[in-house]
Amino acid sequence: MFNFKEIVSVTLILFSVIDVLGSLPVIVDFRKRLGKIESEKATLTAGIIMVVFLFLGERLLSLFGVDVASFAIAGAIILFLLGLEMILGRNIFKHDNISVGVASIVPIAFPIIAGAATMTTLLSLRSAYQTENILVGILLNLFFVYLVLKSSNWIEKKLGQGGTDILRKIFGIILLAIAIKLFKTNLVL
């Protein structure tokens, strides 16, 4: 049964993990390079990834012999590199000749929106909350993600170049911190 308290809890947990506002500088950067981002495609792809992983995540990982901790560490490394790109202003990932459709999926839908942290969180949420409440939380977050993606141009204009640069550096540091936390939490010695 739907439970309002669970829906709010799941929504807030996913909101903090997805952190689409924190990813805004990366999104703006990709939109500048490509001219636009297909918001609908990115949101739909991220939603499909999250729902599939909610139901099949552990089985998919075990199929490849990968545990959740290793998956989270791999995601942490990618987040770390994206954070370095934001802070240093250097391209680590090759972005040449990338189409708008592909960029809407990689890296926007995955790993920024539906990355390792989100997927690991979904596996944790499954053990504590009802599936239907998790699905509602996913949908609410996807709606917010879509609004941010769709209005990234407007947000950038309101912030200006200086504001966008400052945000990029600040959230680059936050991405590095999230990556290090994911790495430390999942590192088994």
Protein backbone atom coordinates (compact mmCIF):
# COMPACT_ATOMS: atom_id res chain seq x y z
CA MET A 1 0.00 0.00 0.00
CA PHE A 2 1.07 3.56 -0.64
CA ASN A 3 2.47 5.23 2.45
CA PHE A 4 2.93 9.01 2.37
CA LYS A 5 5.72 8.97 4.96
CA GLU A 6 7.68 6.33 3.02
CA ILE A 7 7.16 8.20 -0.25
CA VAL A 8 8.51 11.42 1.29
CA SER A 9 11.48 9.59 2.82
CA VAL A 10 12.38 7.78 -0.41
CA THR A 11 11.92 10.96 -2.46
CA LEU A 12 14.23 12.97 -0.20
CA ILE A 13 16.86 10.23 -0.03
CA LEU A 14 16.92 9.87 -3.83
CA PHE A 15 16.88 13.66 -4.28
CA SER A 16 20.02 14.02 -2.18
CA VAL A 17 21.78 11.15 -3.97
CA ILE A 18 20.79 12.15 -7.52
CA ASP A 19 21.68 15.78 -6.74
CA VAL A 20 20.59 17.13 -10.11
CA LEU A 21 21.08 20.70 -8.90
CA GLY A 22 24.67 19.85 -8.02
CA SER A 23 25.09 18.41 -11.49
CA LEU A 24 23.79 21.55 -13.13
CA PRO A 25 27.28 22.82 -14.09
CA VAL A 26 28.01 19.53 -15.91
CA ILE A 27 24.63 19.69 -17.63
CA VAL A 28 25.19 23.31 -18.67
CA ASP A 29 28.67 22.44 -19.92
CA PHE A 30 27.34 19.63 -22.11
CA ARG A 31 24.52 21.82 -23.40
CA LYS A 32 27.07 24.48 -24.36
CA ARG A 33 29.21 21.96 -26.24
CA LEU A 34 26.30 20.30 -28.03
CA GLY A 35 23.79 23.13 -28.38
CA LYS A 36 21.07 21.24 -26.50
CA ILE A 37 20.30 18.23 -24.35
CA GLU A 38 17.34 16.00 -25.05
CA SER A 39 15.66 16.37 -21.64
CA GLU A 40 12.92 13.84 -22.36
CA LYS A 41 15.36 11.20 -23.57
CA ALA A 42 17.72 11.71 -20.62
CA THR A 43 14.89 11.59 -18.07
CA LEU A 44 13.24 8.55 -19.63
CA THR A 45 16.54 6.67 -19.92
CA ALA A 46 17.47 7.46 -16.31
CA GLY A 47 14.01 6.31 -15.20
CA ILE A 48 14.30 3.02 -17.08
CA ILE A 49 17.76 2.42 -15.64
CA MET A 50 16.53 3.09 -12.10
CA VAL A 51 13.41 0.91 -12.35
CA VAL A 52 15.28 -1.97 -14.00
CA PHE A 53 18.01 -1.75 -11.38
CA LEU A 54 15.43 -1.62 -8.59
CA PHE A 55 14.03 -4.98 -9.67
CA LEU A 56 17.04 -6.69 -11.27
CA GLY A 57 20.10 -4.89 -9.89
CA GLU A 58 21.48 -7.51 -7.57
CA ARG A 59 20.86 -10.27 -10.12
CA LEU A 60 22.52 -8.27 -12.91
CA LEU A 61 25.58 -7.58 -10.81
CA SER A 62 25.85 -11.19 -9.64
CA LEU A 63 25.52 -12.35 -13.26
CA PHE A 64 28.80 -10.53 -13.94
CA GLY A 65 30.29 -11.60 -10.62
CA VAL A 66 30.28 -8.03 -9.32
CA ASP A 67 29.23 -7.14 -5.82
CA VAL A 68 27.45 -3.91 -4.89
CA ALA A 69 30.57 -2.48 -3.23
CA SER A 70 32.70 -2.96 -6.36
CA PHE A 71 29.99 -1.37 -8.47
CA ALA A 72 29.85 1.60 -6.12
CA ILE A 73 33.65 2.02 -6.26
CA ALA A 74 33.58 2.00 -10.07
CA GLY A 75 30.91 4.71 -9.98
CA ALA A 76 32.96 6.64 -7.45
CA ILE A 77 35.92 6.70 -9.83
CA ILE A 78 33.76 8.09 -12.63
CA LEU A 79 32.28 10.75 -10.32
CA PHE A 80 35.81 11.62 -9.18
CA LEU A 81 36.97 12.16 -12.76
CA LEU A 82 33.89 14.27 -13.57
CA GLY A 83 34.62 16.36 -10.48
CA LEU A 84 38.21 16.86 -11.63
CA GLU A 85 36.95 18.01 -15.04
CA MET A 86 34.74 20.58 -13.35
CA ILE A 87 37.42 21.93 -11.04
CA LEU A 88 40.39 21.92 -13.40
CA GLY A 89 38.51 22.95 -16.52
CA ARG A 90 40.17 20.12 -18.45
CA ASN A 91 38.49 17.37 -20.42
CA ILE A 92 39.32 13.92 -19.13
CA PHE A 93 36.57 12.15 -21.03
CA LYS A 94 36.62 12.43 -24.80
CA HIS A 95 33.70 14.58 -25.92
CA ASP A 96 34.60 15.04 -29.59
CA ASN A 97 32.05 14.01 -32.19
CA ILE A 98 29.46 13.09 -29.59
CA SER A 99 25.87 13.49 -30.68
CA VAL A 100 23.16 15.20 -28.65
CA GLY A 101 21.27 11.92 -28.25
CA VAL A 102 24.31 10.08 -26.94
CA ALA A 103 25.26 12.90 -24.56
CA SER A 104 21.72 12.88 -23.21
CA ILE A 105 22.31 9.27 -22.18
CA VAL A 106 26.04 9.24 -21.35
CA PRO A 107 26.93 11.02 -19.09
CA ILE A 108 23.63 12.83 -18.30
CA ALA A 109 21.24 9.89 -17.75
CA PHE A 110 24.08 7.61 -16.70
CA PRO A 111 26.15 8.11 -14.56
CA ILE A 112 25.06 11.60 -13.45
CA ILE A 113 21.35 10.96 -12.78
CA ALA A 114 21.19 7.16 -12.51
CA GLY A 115 24.75 6.42 -11.49
CA ALA A 116 26.31 3.98 -9.07
CA ALA A 117 25.28 5.98 -6.01
CA THR A 118 21.65 6.07 -7.14
CA MET A 119 21.64 2.37 -7.99
CA THR A 120 23.30 1.38 -4.74
CA THR A 121 20.79 3.52 -2.86
CA LEU A 122 17.90 1.84 -4.69
CA LEU A 123 19.17 -1.56 -3.56
CA SER A 124 19.33 -0.29 0.02
CA LEU A 125 15.86 1.27 -0.18
CA ARG A 126 14.38 -2.04 -1.33
CA SER A 127 15.24 -3.60 1.99
CA ALA A 128 13.56 -0.83 4.01
CA TYR A 129 10.58 0.43 1.97
CA GLN A 130 7.67 -0.92 -0.05
CA THR A 131 8.39 -1.17 -3.78
CA GLU A 132 5.39 0.97 -4.81
CA ASN A 133 6.57 3.80 -2.54
CA ILE A 134 10.07 3.59 -4.04
CA LEU A 135 8.56 3.78 -7.54
CA VAL A 136 6.60 6.92 -6.60
CA GLY A 137 9.79 8.43 -5.16
CA ILE A 138 11.62 7.65 -8.41
CA LEU A 139 8.83 9.29 -10.46
CA LEU A 140 8.83 12.43 -8.31
CA ASN A 141 12.60 12.74 -8.67
CA LEU A 142 12.43 12.17 -12.41
CA PHE A 143 9.88 14.98 -12.69
CA PHE A 144 12.27 17.32 -10.87
CA VAL A 145 15.21 16.13 -12.98
CA TYR A 146 13.20 16.84 -16.14
CA LEU A 147 12.39 20.38 -14.93
CA VAL A 148 16.06 21.09 -14.20
CA LEU A 149 17.22 19.67 -17.55
CA LYS A 150 14.55 21.58 -19.44
CA SER A 151 15.30 24.87 -17.70
CA SER A 152 19.12 24.59 -17.59
CA ASN A 153 19.44 27.32 -20.24
CA TRP A 154 17.24 29.70 -18.21
CA ILE A 155 19.09 28.87 -14.98
CA GLU A 156 22.43 29.52 -16.67
CA LYS A 157 21.24 32.90 -17.97
CA LYS A 158 20.09 33.88 -14.47
CA LEU A 159 23.44 32.87 -12.95
CA GLY A 160 25.61 34.38 -15.69
CA GLN A 161 29.04 33.11 -16.70
CA GLY A 162 30.66 33.99 -13.37
CA GLY A 163 27.91 32.30 -11.36
CA THR A 164 28.07 29.22 -13.54
CA ASP A 165 31.87 29.03 -13.16
CA ILE A 166 31.62 29.35 -9.39
CA LEU A 167 28.91 26.67 -9.25
CA ARG A 168 31.00 24.39 -11.46
CA LYS A 169 33.97 24.63 -9.08
CA ILE A 170 31.89 24.25 -5.92
CA PHE A 171 29.95 21.28 -7.21
CA GLY A 172 33.12 19.79 -8.64
CA ILE A 173 34.48 19.70 -5.09
CA ILE A 174 31.18 18.23 -3.86
CA LEU A 175 31.36 15.54 -6.57
CA LEU A 176 34.92 14.74 -5.46
CA ALA A 177 33.74 14.48 -1.85
CA ILE A 178 30.82 12.21 -2.80
CA ALA A 179 33.20 10.05 -4.84
CA ILE A 180 35.65 9.76 -1.96
CA LYS A 181 32.82 8.94 0.46
CA LEU A 182 31.50 6.23 -1.89
CA PHE A 183 35.01 4.88 -2.28
CA LYS A 184 35.71 4.84 1.50
CA THR A 185 32.32 3.34 2.35
CA ASN A 186 32.66 0.49 -0.12
CA LEU A 187 36.38 -0.21 0.11
CA VAL A 188 36.98 -3.54 1.79
CA LEU A 189 40.55 -4.18 2.88
